[in-house]
Amino acid sequence: MHKAREKIMRIVFFVAALASILAVALICVFLLAQGLPAMLRIGVLDFLFGTRWAPLHGSDPAFGILPFILGSIYVTAGAIILGVPVGIFTAIFMAKVCPERIHRVIKPALNLMAGVPSVIYGFFGIVVVVPAIFEAFGKQFDMMSGNTMLAASVILGIMILPTIITIAETNLRAVPNELYEGAVALGASHERAVFKVVLPAARSGVTAAVVLGVGRAIGETMAVNMVAGNQPALRMPYEIFKGLRTMTTNIVIEMGYVETGSLHNGALIATGVVLFVFILIINTLFSILNKEKKDKAESKKEASLVSEEETI
């Protein structure tokens, strides 16, 4: 009976894994089947590096998404600059410094932040962040409103905090306590032991937290749509105190009225293909970096074993 249950559960897990793989494969097939023909019809270089987006311009439509690509990169980079240091330091505080009674309060709050819908973050940005930016920098930089690249970066920086903190804290706690105790026994202070021993030991997990945060930031739509300003698609993003459009916001703005099967519709789906490739590249680079670090660690371990054998 026990063996039968194990076989049934193996089948269930296999079917679940197969369904997940099949879902991802179907998404890839749909994006490529719908987006690549439009990209080829427009011209790959014209589509990726064109600076003019005018799909409804009569006899001379244009489908250049370079402003949206740069907008996505700028906003994501701003979120990384603002959110990653705060997230990592908070994870270190929660894992190695925070008293238990305070941890019992902060941890549920982080879990609650992770479950808050993105539209709520957008409302927070409209009510708090956008007016604050306008009050602080409006007169100095001749701003029309606070809906800017900076506002979008701040909101995304806040949104990626739960992901970074939770994963980084888990990996910091997974580091064997013997490493910390050994560093302290050799004379290191608590802070030095944490930053010089524990944090490097959890580097791969912390890097994974950052990569997942970047994936969340680059794919976010609603919150960015509400605070980024959505400047006309003909303008290249170049100022932190000006509005912009990202790839995701352009899709959500125009997909509601586009004609199904038109070149405009295909161009929007092709934008989704570019976004998918961006995330794929980020994950691939992360896997390569992790593999290189693992290989280096194994080679160092082998070298130390060889030296110990020679000493003996």
C-alpha atoms as a PDB file:
ATOM      1  CA  MET A   1       0.000   0.000   0.000  1.00  0.00           C
ATOM      2  CA  HIS A   2       2.860   2.354   0.888  1.00  0.00           C
ATOM      3  CA  LYS A   3       4.611   1.656  -2.439  1.00  0.00           C
ATOM      4  CA  ALA A   4       1.367   2.271  -4.334  1.00  0.00           C
ATOM      5  CA  ARG A   5       0.970   5.666  -2.665  1.00  0.00           C
ATOM      6  CA  GLU A   6       4.550   6.573  -3.572  1.00  0.00           C
ATOM      7  CA  LYS A   7       3.941   5.646  -7.211  1.00  0.00           C
ATOM      8  CA  ILE A   8       0.733   7.700  -7.306  1.00  0.00           C
ATOM      9  CA  MET A   9       2.478  10.748  -5.812  1.00  0.00           C
ATOM     10  CA  ARG A  10       5.356  10.387  -8.275  1.00  0.00           C
ATOM     11  CA  ILE A  11       2.845  10.413 -11.120  1.00  0.00           C
ATOM     12  CA  VAL A  12       1.093  13.460  -9.646  1.00  0.00           C
ATOM     13  CA  PHE A  13       4.372  15.370  -9.274  1.00  0.00           C
ATOM     14  CA  PHE A  14       5.458  14.363 -12.766  1.00  0.00           C
ATOM     15  CA  VAL A  15       2.167  15.567 -14.267  1.00  0.00           C
ATOM     16  CA  ALA A  16       2.428  18.865 -12.352  1.00  0.00           C
ATOM     17  CA  ALA A  17       5.992  19.434 -13.573  1.00  0.00           C
ATOM     18  CA  LEU A  18       5.007  18.491 -17.119  1.00  0.00           C
ATOM     19  CA  ALA A  19       2.066  20.918 -17.011  1.00  0.00           C
ATOM     20  CA  SER A  20       4.367  23.742 -15.902  1.00  0.00           C
ATOM     21  CA  ILE A  21       6.852  23.013 -18.687  1.00  0.00           C
ATOM     22  CA  LEU A  22       4.037  22.722 -21.223  1.00  0.00           C
ATOM     23  CA  ALA A  23       2.552  26.067 -20.139  1.00  0.00           C
ATOM     24  CA  VAL A  24       5.891  27.838 -20.582  1.00  0.00           C
ATOM     25  CA  ALA A  25       6.426  26.131 -23.941  1.00  0.00           C
ATOM     26  CA  LEU A  26       2.975  27.203 -25.170  1.00  0.00           C
ATOM     27  CA  ILE A  27       3.646  30.796 -24.120  1.00  0.00           C
ATOM     28  CA  CYS A  28       6.944  30.755 -26.018  1.00  0.00           C
ATOM     29  CA  VAL A  29       5.295  29.280 -29.117  1.00  0.00           C
ATOM     30  CA  PHE A  30       2.488  31.863 -29.026  1.00  0.00           C
ATOM     31  CA  LEU A  31       4.883  34.799 -28.627  1.00  0.00           C
ATOM     32  CA  LEU A  32       7.195  33.634 -31.390  1.00  0.00           C
ATOM     33  CA  ALA A  33       4.389  32.668 -33.763  1.00  0.00           C
ATOM     34  CA  GLN A  34       2.600  35.993 -33.349  1.00  0.00           C
ATOM     35  CA  GLY A  35       5.538  38.327 -32.808  1.00  0.00           C
ATOM     36  CA  LEU A  36       8.314  37.187 -35.138  1.00  0.00           C
ATOM     37  CA  PRO A  37       6.337  37.633 -38.419  1.00  0.00           C
ATOM     38  CA  ALA A  38       5.501  41.212 -37.449  1.00  0.00           C
ATOM     39  CA  MET A  39       9.116  41.878 -36.441  1.00  0.00           C
ATOM     40  CA  LEU A  40      10.380  40.517 -39.760  1.00  0.00           C
ATOM     41  CA  ARG A  41       7.794  42.530 -41.680  1.00  0.00           C
ATOM     42  CA  ILE A  42       8.811  45.739 -39.925  1.00  0.00           C
ATOM     43  CA  GLY A  43      12.517  44.907 -40.045  1.00  0.00           C
ATOM     44  CA  VAL A  44      14.405  43.647 -37.010  1.00  0.00           C
ATOM     45  CA  LEU A  45      16.805  46.606 -36.877  1.00  0.00           C
ATOM     46  CA  ASP A  46      14.053  49.142 -37.536  1.00  0.00           C
ATOM     47  CA  PHE A  47      11.952  47.548 -34.814  1.00  0.00           C
ATOM     48  CA  LEU A  48      14.674  47.289 -32.158  1.00  0.00           C
ATOM     49  CA  PHE A  49      16.577  50.512 -32.869  1.00  0.00           C
ATOM     50  CA  GLY A  50      13.901  52.740 -34.341  1.00  0.00           C
ATOM     51  CA  THR A  51      13.114  55.848 -32.293  1.00  0.00           C
ATOM     52  CA  ARG A  52       9.675  56.553 -33.754  1.00  0.00           C
ATOM     53  CA  TRP A  53       6.483  54.785 -32.670  1.00  0.00           C
ATOM     54  CA  ALA A  54       3.497  55.947 -34.723  1.00  0.00           C
ATOM     55  CA  PRO A  55       1.308  52.916 -35.540  1.00  0.00           C
ATOM     56  CA  LEU A  56      -1.709  55.035 -36.523  1.00  0.00           C
ATOM     57  CA  HIS A  57       0.147  57.488 -38.752  1.00  0.00           C
ATOM     58  CA  GLY A  58      -1.879  56.797 -41.865  1.00  0.00           C
ATOM     59  CA  SER A  59       0.257  55.712 -44.793  1.00  0.00           C
ATOM     60  CA  ASP A  60       3.553  56.064 -42.910  1.00  0.00           C
ATOM     61  CA  PRO A  61       3.309  53.992 -39.711  1.00  0.00           C
ATOM     62  CA  ALA A  62       6.419  53.446 -37.588  1.00  0.00           C
ATOM     63  CA  PHE A  63       7.150  50.742 -35.040  1.00  0.00           C
ATOM     64  CA  GLY A  64      10.438  51.594 -33.347  1.00  0.00           C
ATOM     65  CA  ILE A  65      10.653  50.475 -29.710  1.00  0.00           C
ATOM     66  CA  LEU A  66      14.089  51.804 -28.705  1.00  0.00           C
ATOM     67  CA  PRO A  67      12.532  54.491 -26.430  1.00  0.00           C
ATOM     68  CA  PHE A  68      10.570  51.765 -24.612  1.00  0.00           C
ATOM     69  CA  ILE A  69      13.624  49.501 -24.276  1.00  0.00           C
ATOM     70  CA  LEU A  70      15.663  52.334 -22.799  1.00  0.00           C
ATOM     71  CA  GLY A  71      12.760  53.299 -20.555  1.00  0.00           C
ATOM     72  CA  SER A  72      12.565  49.764 -19.159  1.00  0.00           C
ATOM     73  CA  ILE A  73      16.342  49.641 -18.628  1.00  0.00           C
ATOM     74  CA  TYR A  74      16.474  53.052 -16.934  1.00  0.00           C
ATOM     75  CA  VAL A  75      13.574  52.358 -14.588  1.00  0.00           C
ATOM     76  CA  THR A  76      14.919  48.898 -13.685  1.00  0.00           C
ATOM     77  CA  ALA A  77      18.408  50.309 -13.090  1.00  0.00           C
ATOM     78  CA  GLY A  78      16.939  52.985 -10.819  1.00  0.00           C
ATOM     79  CA  ALA A  79      15.000  50.358  -8.884  1.00  0.00           C
ATOM     80  CA  ILE A  80      18.186  48.301  -8.461  1.00  0.00           C
ATOM     81  CA  ILE A  81      20.166  51.305  -7.223  1.00  0.00           C
ATOM     82  CA  LEU A  82      17.466  52.258  -4.720  1.00  0.00           C
ATOM     83  CA  GLY A  83      16.128  48.847  -3.695  1.00  0.00           C
ATOM     84  CA  VAL A  84      18.999  46.357  -3.721  1.00  0.00           C
ATOM     85  CA  PRO A  85      21.203  47.972  -1.026  1.00  0.00           C
ATOM     86  CA  VAL A  86      18.198  48.510   1.242  1.00  0.00           C
ATOM     87  CA  GLY A  87      17.017  44.935   0.670  1.00  0.00           C
ATOM     88  CA  ILE A  88      20.395  43.313   1.344  1.00  0.00           C
ATOM     89  CA  PHE A  89      21.103  45.369   4.468  1.00  0.00           C
ATOM     90  CA  THR A  90      17.605  44.645   5.756  1.00  0.00           C
ATOM     91  CA  ALA A  91      18.112  40.911   5.146  1.00  0.00           C
ATOM     92  CA  ILE A  92      21.415  41.041   7.054  1.00  0.00           C
ATOM     93  CA  PHE A  93      19.713  42.894   9.909  1.00  0.00           C
ATOM     94  CA  MET A  94      16.878  40.368  10.093  1.00  0.00           C
ATOM     95  CA  ALA A  95      19.164  37.329   9.871  1.00  0.00           C
ATOM     96  CA  LYS A  96      22.015  38.369  12.165  1.00  0.00           C
ATOM     97  CA  VAL A  97      21.101  41.448  14.205  1.00  0.00           C
ATOM     98  CA  CYS A  98      17.338  41.745  14.700  1.00  0.00           C
ATOM     99  CA  PRO A  99      15.955  40.658  18.098  1.00  0.00           C
ATOM    100  CA  GLU A 100      13.364  37.900  17.909  1.00  0.00           C
ATOM    101  CA  ARG A 101      10.479  40.055  19.167  1.00  0.00           C
ATOM    102  CA  ILE A 102      11.112  42.624  16.416  1.00  0.00           C
ATOM    103  CA  HIS A 103      11.585  39.889  13.809  1.00  0.00           C
ATOM    104  CA  ARG A 104       8.119  38.532  14.644  1.00  0.00           C
ATOM    105  CA  VAL A 105       6.692  41.917  13.620  1.00  0.00           C
ATOM    106  CA  ILE A 106       8.818  42.642  10.539  1.00  0.00           C
ATOM    107  CA  LYS A 107       8.495  39.227   8.906  1.00  0.00           C
ATOM    108  CA  PRO A 108       4.679  39.243   8.601  1.00  0.00           C
ATOM    109  CA  ALA A 109       4.854  42.833   7.351  1.00  0.00           C
ATOM    110  CA  LEU A 110       7.211  41.742   4.550  1.00  0.00           C
ATOM    111  CA  ASN A 111       4.916  38.857   3.659  1.00  0.00           C
ATOM    112  CA  LEU A 112       2.036  41.332   3.521  1.00  0.00           C
ATOM    113  CA  MET A 113       4.053  43.630   1.220  1.00  0.00           C
ATOM    114  CA  ALA A 114       4.698  40.709  -1.123  1.00  0.00           C
ATOM    115  CA  GLY A 115       0.962  40.072  -1.416  1.00  0.00           C
ATOM    116  CA  VAL A 116      -0.107  43.683  -2.022  1.00  0.00           C
ATOM    117  CA  PRO A 117      -1.419  44.142  -5.610  1.00  0.00           C
ATOM    118  CA  SER A 118       0.715  46.322  -7.857  1.00  0.00           C
ATOM    119  CA  VAL A 119      -2.167  48.747  -8.386  1.00  0.00           C
ATOM    120  CA  ILE A 120      -2.039  49.579  -4.666  1.00  0.00           C
ATOM    121  CA  TYR A 121       1.623  50.471  -5.025  1.00  0.00           C
ATOM    122  CA  GLY A 122       0.565  52.635  -7.959  1.00  0.00           C
ATOM    123  CA  PHE A 123      -2.003  54.439  -5.797  1.00  0.00           C
ATOM    124  CA  PHE A 124       0.672  54.966  -3.141  1.00  0.00           C
ATOM    125  CA  GLY A 125       2.935  56.421  -5.802  1.00  0.00           C
ATOM    126  CA  ILE A 126       0.249  58.797  -7.072  1.00  0.00           C
ATOM    127  CA  VAL A 127      -0.756  59.979  -3.589  1.00  0.00           C
ATOM    128  CA  VAL A 128       2.642  60.103  -1.845  1.00  0.00           C
ATOM    129  CA  VAL A 129       5.687  59.681  -4.112  1.00  0.00           C
ATOM    130  CA  VAL A 130       4.624  61.804  -7.097  1.00  0.00           C
ATOM    131  CA  PRO A 131       3.595  64.877  -5.029  1.00  0.00           C
ATOM    132  CA  ALA A 132       6.752  64.547  -2.877  1.00  0.00           C
ATOM    133  CA  ILE A 133       8.998  64.554  -5.954  1.00  0.00           C
ATOM    134  CA  PHE A 134       7.159  67.512  -7.426  1.00  0.00           C
ATOM    135  CA  GLU A 135       7.433  69.489  -4.186  1.00  0.00           C
ATOM    136  CA  ALA A 136      11.137  68.686  -3.798  1.00  0.00           C
ATOM    137  CA  PHE A 137      12.350  69.161  -7.387  1.00  0.00           C
ATOM    138  CA  GLY A 138       9.508  70.786  -9.352  1.00  0.00           C
ATOM    139  CA  LYS A 139      10.765  74.379  -9.295  1.00  0.00           C
ATOM    140  CA  GLN A 140      14.445  73.490  -9.738  1.00  0.00           C
ATOM    141  CA  PHE A 141      13.935  71.350 -12.842  1.00  0.00           C
ATOM    142  CA  ASP A 142      10.868  73.054 -14.313  1.00  0.00           C
ATOM    143  CA  MET A 143       8.714  69.954 -13.915  1.00  0.00           C
ATOM    144  CA  MET A 144       5.109  69.857 -15.103  1.00  0.00           C
ATOM    145  CA  SER A 145       4.267  67.083 -12.611  1.00  0.00           C
ATOM    146  CA  GLY A 146       5.922  64.496 -10.420  1.00  0.00           C
ATOM    147  CA  ASN A 147       5.133  61.646 -12.848  1.00  0.00           C
ATOM    148  CA  THR A 148       8.723  60.917 -13.755  1.00  0.00           C
ATOM    149  CA  MET A 149      11.345  58.234 -14.241  1.00  0.00           C
ATOM    150  CA  LEU A 150      12.403  58.824 -10.624  1.00  0.00           C
ATOM    151  CA  ALA A 151       8.885  58.128  -9.323  1.00  0.00           C
ATOM    152  CA  ALA A 152       8.717  54.855 -11.252  1.00  0.00           C
ATOM    153  CA  SER A 153      12.153  53.828  -9.953  1.00  0.00           C
ATOM    154  CA  VAL A 154      11.161  54.579  -6.346  1.00  0.00           C
ATOM    155  CA  ILE A 155       7.968  52.543  -6.603  1.00  0.00           C
ATOM    156  CA  LEU A 156       9.734  49.603  -8.247  1.00  0.00           C
ATOM    157  CA  GLY A 157      12.499  49.816  -5.644  1.00  0.00           C
ATOM    158  CA  ILE A 158       9.848  49.428  -2.939  1.00  0.00           C
ATOM    159  CA  MET A 159       8.093  46.609  -4.788  1.00  0.00           C
ATOM    160  CA  ILE A 160      11.208  44.429  -5.135  1.00  0.00           C
ATOM    161  CA  LEU A 161      12.101  44.702  -1.437  1.00  0.00           C
ATOM    162  CA  PRO A 162       9.995  41.735  -0.195  1.00  0.00           C
ATOM    163  CA  THR A 163      11.491  39.394  -2.807  1.00  0.00           C
ATOM    164  CA  ILE A 164      15.092  40.428  -2.142  1.00  0.00           C
ATOM    165  CA  ILE A 165      14.781  40.504   1.650  1.00  0.00           C
ATOM    166  CA  THR A 166      12.971  37.178   2.002  1.00  0.00           C
ATOM    167  CA  ILE A 167      15.270  35.162  -0.275  1.00  0.00           C
ATOM    168  CA  ALA A 168      18.465  36.819   0.949  1.00  0.00           C
ATOM    169  CA  GLU A 169      17.522  36.314   4.602  1.00  0.00           C
ATOM    170  CA  THR A 170      16.763  32.625   4.005  1.00  0.00           C
ATOM    171  CA  ASN A 171      20.168  32.094   2.392  1.00  0.00           C
ATOM    172  CA  LEU A 172      21.986  34.021   5.119  1.00  0.00           C
ATOM    173  CA  ARG A 173      20.356  31.854   7.784  1.00  0.00           C
ATOM    174  CA  ALA A 174      21.333  28.730   5.809  1.00  0.00           C
ATOM    175  CA  VAL A 175      25.057  29.504   6.188  1.00  0.00           C
ATOM    176  CA  PRO A 176      26.526  27.120   8.800  1.00  0.00           C
ATOM    177  CA  ASN A 177      26.931  28.895  12.114  1.00  0.00           C
ATOM    178  CA  GLU A 178      30.395  27.345  12.481  1.00  0.00           C
ATOM    179  CA  LEU A 179      31.739  29.826   9.911  1.00  0.00           C
ATOM    180  CA  TYR A 180      30.538  32.775  11.967  1.00  0.00           C
ATOM    181  CA  GLU A 181      31.761  31.280  15.240  1.00  0.00           C
ATOM    182  CA  GLY A 182      35.164  30.498  13.721  1.00  0.00           C
ATOM    183  CA  ALA A 183      35.573  34.089  12.509  1.00  0.00           C
ATOM    184  CA  VAL A 184      34.635  35.458  15.938  1.00  0.00           C
ATOM    185  CA  ALA A 185      37.000  32.988  17.622  1.00  0.00           C
ATOM    186  CA  LEU A 186      39.836  34.320  15.457  1.00  0.00           C
ATOM    187  CA  GLY A 187      39.173  37.840  16.729  1.00  0.00           C
ATOM    188  CA  ALA A 188      36.729  39.284  14.198  1.00  0.00           C
ATOM    189  CA  SER A 189      33.993  41.578  15.438  1.00  0.00           C
ATOM    190  CA  HIS A 190      30.337  40.665  14.916  1.00  0.00           C
ATOM    191  CA  GLU A 191      29.986  43.059  11.979  1.00  0.00           C
ATOM    192  CA  ARG A 192      33.220  41.927  10.333  1.00  0.00           C
ATOM    193  CA  ALA A 193      32.275  38.254  10.700  1.00  0.00           C
ATOM    194  CA  VAL A 194      28.881  38.907   9.110  1.00  0.00           C
ATOM    195  CA  PHE A 195      30.125  41.000   6.186  1.00  0.00           C
ATOM    196  CA  LYS A 196      33.416  39.194   5.515  1.00  0.00           C
ATOM    197  CA  VAL A 197      32.409  35.581   6.178  1.00  0.00           C
ATOM    198  CA  VAL A 198      28.650  35.004   6.284  1.00  0.00           C
ATOM    199  CA  LEU A 199      27.655  37.307   3.411  1.00  0.00           C
ATOM    200  CA  PRO A 200      30.273  35.923   0.952  1.00  0.00           C
ATOM    201  CA  ALA A 201      29.231  32.380   1.892  1.00  0.00           C
ATOM    202  CA  ALA A 202      25.618  33.231   0.945  1.00  0.00           C
ATOM    203  CA  ARG A 203      26.624  35.138  -2.192  1.00  0.00           C
ATOM    204  CA  SER A 204      24.886  32.830  -4.672  1.00  0.00           C
ATOM    205  CA  GLY A 205      21.592  32.999  -2.782  1.00  0.00           C
ATOM    206  CA  VAL A 206      21.804  36.777  -2.402  1.00  0.00           C
ATOM    207  CA  THR A 207      22.540  37.077  -6.120  1.00  0.00           C
ATOM    208  CA  ALA A 208      19.490  34.934  -6.853  1.00  0.00           C
ATOM    209  CA  ALA A 209      17.394  37.311  -4.730  1.00  0.00           C
ATOM    210  CA  VAL A 210      18.662  40.294  -6.727  1.00  0.00           C
ATOM    211  CA  VAL A 211      18.002  38.554 -10.070  1.00  0.00           C
ATOM    212  CA  LEU A 212      14.435  37.702  -9.067  1.00  0.00           C
ATOM    213  CA  GLY A 213      13.950  41.296  -7.956  1.00  0.00           C
ATOM    214  CA  VAL A 214      15.214  42.545 -11.314  1.00  0.00           C
ATOM    215  CA  GLY A 215      12.813  40.192 -13.085  1.00  0.00           C
ATOM    216  CA  ARG A 216       9.956  41.591 -11.012  1.00  0.00           C
ATOM    217  CA  ALA A 217      10.996  45.168 -11.784  1.00  0.00           C
ATOM    218  CA  ILE A 218      11.480  44.818 -15.543  1.00  0.00           C
ATOM    219  CA  GLY A 219       8.150  43.028 -15.962  1.00  0.00           C
ATOM    220  CA  GLU A 220       6.029  45.340 -13.789  1.00  0.00           C
ATOM    221  CA  THR A 221       3.232  47.141 -15.633  1.00  0.00           C
ATOM    222  CA  MET A 222       0.398  48.673 -13.645  1.00  0.00           C
ATOM    223  CA  ALA A 223       2.344  50.576 -10.980  1.00  0.00           C
ATOM    224  CA  VAL A 224       4.776  51.973 -13.563  1.00  0.00           C
ATOM    225  CA  ASN A 225       1.879  52.907 -15.826  1.00  0.00           C
ATOM    226  CA  MET A 226       0.337  54.966 -13.021  1.00  0.00           C
ATOM    227  CA  VAL A 227       3.424  56.970 -12.002  1.00  0.00           C
ATOM    228  CA  ALA A 228       5.813  57.084 -14.976  1.00  0.00           C
ATOM    229  CA  GLY A 229       4.006  59.853 -16.849  1.00  0.00           C
ATOM    230  CA  ASN A 230       3.561  57.927 -20.136  1.00  0.00           C
ATOM    231  CA  GLN A 231       5.174  60.574 -22.296  1.00  0.00           C
ATOM    232  CA  PRO A 232       4.453  60.525 -26.051  1.00  0.00           C
ATOM    233  CA  ALA A 233       6.077  57.567 -27.731  1.00  0.00           C
ATOM    234  CA  LEU A 234       8.106  59.813 -30.045  1.00  0.00           C
ATOM    235  CA  ARG A 235      10.314  61.134 -27.224  1.00  0.00           C
ATOM    236  CA  MET A 236      13.493  59.372 -26.156  1.00  0.00           C
ATOM    237  CA  PRO A 237      13.873  59.025 -22.368  1.00  0.00           C
ATOM    238  CA  TYR A 238      16.961  60.874 -21.169  1.00  0.00           C
ATOM    239  CA  GLU A 239      16.078  62.809 -17.986  1.00  0.00           C
ATOM    240  CA  ILE A 240      15.310  61.372 -14.569  1.00  0.00           C
ATOM    241  CA  PHE A 241      12.790  64.152 -13.903  1.00  0.00           C
ATOM    242  CA  LYS A 242      10.798  63.542 -17.089  1.00  0.00           C
ATOM    243  CA  GLY A 243       8.146  60.971 -17.850  1.00  0.00           C
ATOM    244  CA  LEU A 244       8.652  57.925 -20.042  1.00  0.00           C
ATOM    245  CA  ARG A 245       7.106  54.723 -21.332  1.00  0.00           C
ATOM    246  CA  THR A 246       8.403  51.233 -20.798  1.00  0.00           C
ATOM    247  CA  MET A 247       7.787  48.169 -22.948  1.00  0.00           C
ATOM    248  CA  THR A 248       5.149  46.832 -20.583  1.00  0.00           C
ATOM    249  CA  THR A 249       3.270  50.113 -20.245  1.00  0.00           C
ATOM    250  CA  ASN A 250       3.182  50.624 -24.008  1.00  0.00           C
ATOM    251  CA  ILE A 251       1.652  47.168 -24.435  1.00  0.00           C
ATOM    252  CA  VAL A 252      -1.021  47.714 -21.806  1.00  0.00           C
ATOM    253  CA  ILE A 253      -1.883  51.219 -23.075  1.00  0.00           C
ATOM    254  CA  GLU A 254      -2.362  50.276 -26.718  1.00  0.00           C
ATOM    255  CA  MET A 255      -3.500  46.644 -26.606  1.00  0.00           C
ATOM    256  CA  GLY A 256      -7.022  47.699 -25.569  1.00  0.00           C
ATOM    257  CA  TYR A 257      -7.887  49.380 -28.872  1.00  0.00           C
ATOM    258  CA  VAL A 258      -5.602  47.630 -31.369  1.00  0.00           C
ATOM    259  CA  GLU A 259      -7.182  45.594 -34.171  1.00  0.00           C
ATOM    260  CA  THR A 260      -6.612  41.861 -33.841  1.00  0.00           C
ATOM    261  CA  GLY A 261      -4.365  40.504 -36.593  1.00  0.00           C
ATOM    262  CA  SER A 262      -3.076  43.916 -37.616  1.00  0.00           C
ATOM    263  CA  LEU A 263       0.595  44.856 -37.856  1.00  0.00           C
ATOM    264  CA  HIS A 264       0.098  47.057 -34.809  1.00  0.00           C
ATOM    265  CA  ASN A 265      -1.105  44.037 -32.817  1.00  0.00           C
ATOM    266  CA  GLY A 266       1.853  41.992 -34.021  1.00  0.00           C
ATOM    267  CA  ALA A 267       4.282  44.759 -33.064  1.00  0.00           C
ATOM    268  CA  LEU A 268       2.914  44.811 -29.515  1.00  0.00           C
ATOM    269  CA  ILE A 269       3.291  41.036 -29.236  1.00  0.00           C
ATOM    270  CA  ALA A 270       6.813  41.355 -30.673  1.00  0.00           C
ATOM    271  CA  THR A 271       7.533  43.830 -27.858  1.00  0.00           C
ATOM    272  CA  GLY A 272       6.547  41.048 -25.470  1.00  0.00           C
ATOM    273  CA  VAL A 273       9.056  38.776 -27.258  1.00  0.00           C
ATOM    274  CA  VAL A 274      11.818  41.332 -26.638  1.00  0.00           C
ATOM    275  CA  LEU A 275      10.836  41.559 -22.972  1.00  0.00           C
ATOM    276  CA  PHE A 276      10.854  37.765 -22.716  1.00  0.00           C
ATOM    277  CA  VAL A 277      14.346  37.652 -24.237  1.00  0.00           C
ATOM    278  CA  PHE A 278      15.533  40.289 -21.743  1.00  0.00           C
ATOM    279  CA  ILE A 279      14.426  38.163 -18.796  1.00  0.00           C
ATOM    280  CA  LEU A 280      15.884  35.033 -20.411  1.00  0.00           C
ATOM    281  CA  ILE A 281      19.263  36.766 -20.793  1.00  0.00           C
ATOM    282  CA  ILE A 282      19.229  37.873 -17.150  1.00  0.00           C
ATOM    283  CA  ASN A 283      18.485  34.345 -15.926  1.00  0.00           C
ATOM    284  CA  THR A 284      21.125  32.838 -18.252  1.00  0.00           C
ATOM    285  CA  LEU A 285      23.803  35.240 -17.030  1.00  0.00           C
ATOM    286  CA  PHE A 286      22.885  34.407 -13.453  1.00  0.00           C
ATOM    287  CA  SER A 287      23.229  30.670 -14.173  1.00  0.00           C
ATOM    288  CA  ILE A 288      26.625  31.208 -15.835  1.00  0.00           C
ATOM    289  CA  LEU A 289      27.909  33.289 -12.914  1.00  0.00           C
ATOM    290  CA  ASN A 290      26.722  30.691 -10.414  1.00  0.00           C
ATOM    291  CA  LYS A 291      28.388  27.893 -12.412  1.00  0.00           C
ATOM    292  CA  GLU A 292      31.691  29.788 -12.563  1.00  0.00           C
ATOM    293  CA  LYS A 293      31.630  30.450  -8.821  1.00  0.00           C
ATOM    294  CA  LYS A 294      30.833  26.804  -8.120  1.00  0.00           C
ATOM    295  CA  ASP A 295      33.678  25.629 -10.373  1.00  0.00           C
ATOM    296  CA  LYS A 296      36.116  28.013  -8.680  1.00  0.00           C
ATOM    297  CA  ALA A 297      35.033  26.821  -5.231  1.00  0.00           C
ATOM    298  CA  GLU A 298      35.467  23.179  -6.255  1.00  0.00           C
ATOM    299  CA  SER A 299      38.914  23.856  -7.753  1.00  0.00           C
ATOM    300  CA  LYS A 300      40.008  25.633  -4.562  1.00  0.00           C
ATOM    301  CA  LYS A 301      38.727  22.728  -2.493  1.00  0.00           C
ATOM    302  CA  GLU A 302      40.620  20.228  -4.650  1.00  0.00           C
ATOM    303  CA  ALA A 303      43.796  22.324  -4.415  1.00  0.00           C
ATOM    304  CA  SER A 304      43.538  22.488  -0.634  1.00  0.00           C
ATOM    305  CA  LEU A 305      43.050  18.719  -0.438  1.00  0.00           C
ATOM    306  CA  VAL A 306      46.099  18.140  -2.630  1.00  0.00           C
ATOM    307  CA  SER A 307      48.220  20.462  -0.481  1.00  0.00           C
ATOM    308  CA  GLU A 308      47.056  18.685   2.689  1.00  0.00           C
ATOM    309  CA  GLU A 309      47.985  15.301   1.190  1.00  0.00           C
ATOM    310  CA  GLU A 310      51.428  16.591   0.198  1.00  0.00           C
ATOM    311  CA  THR A 311      51.935  17.987   3.713  1.00  0.00           C
ATOM    312  CA  ILE A 312      51.018  14.643   5.254  1.00  0.00           C
END
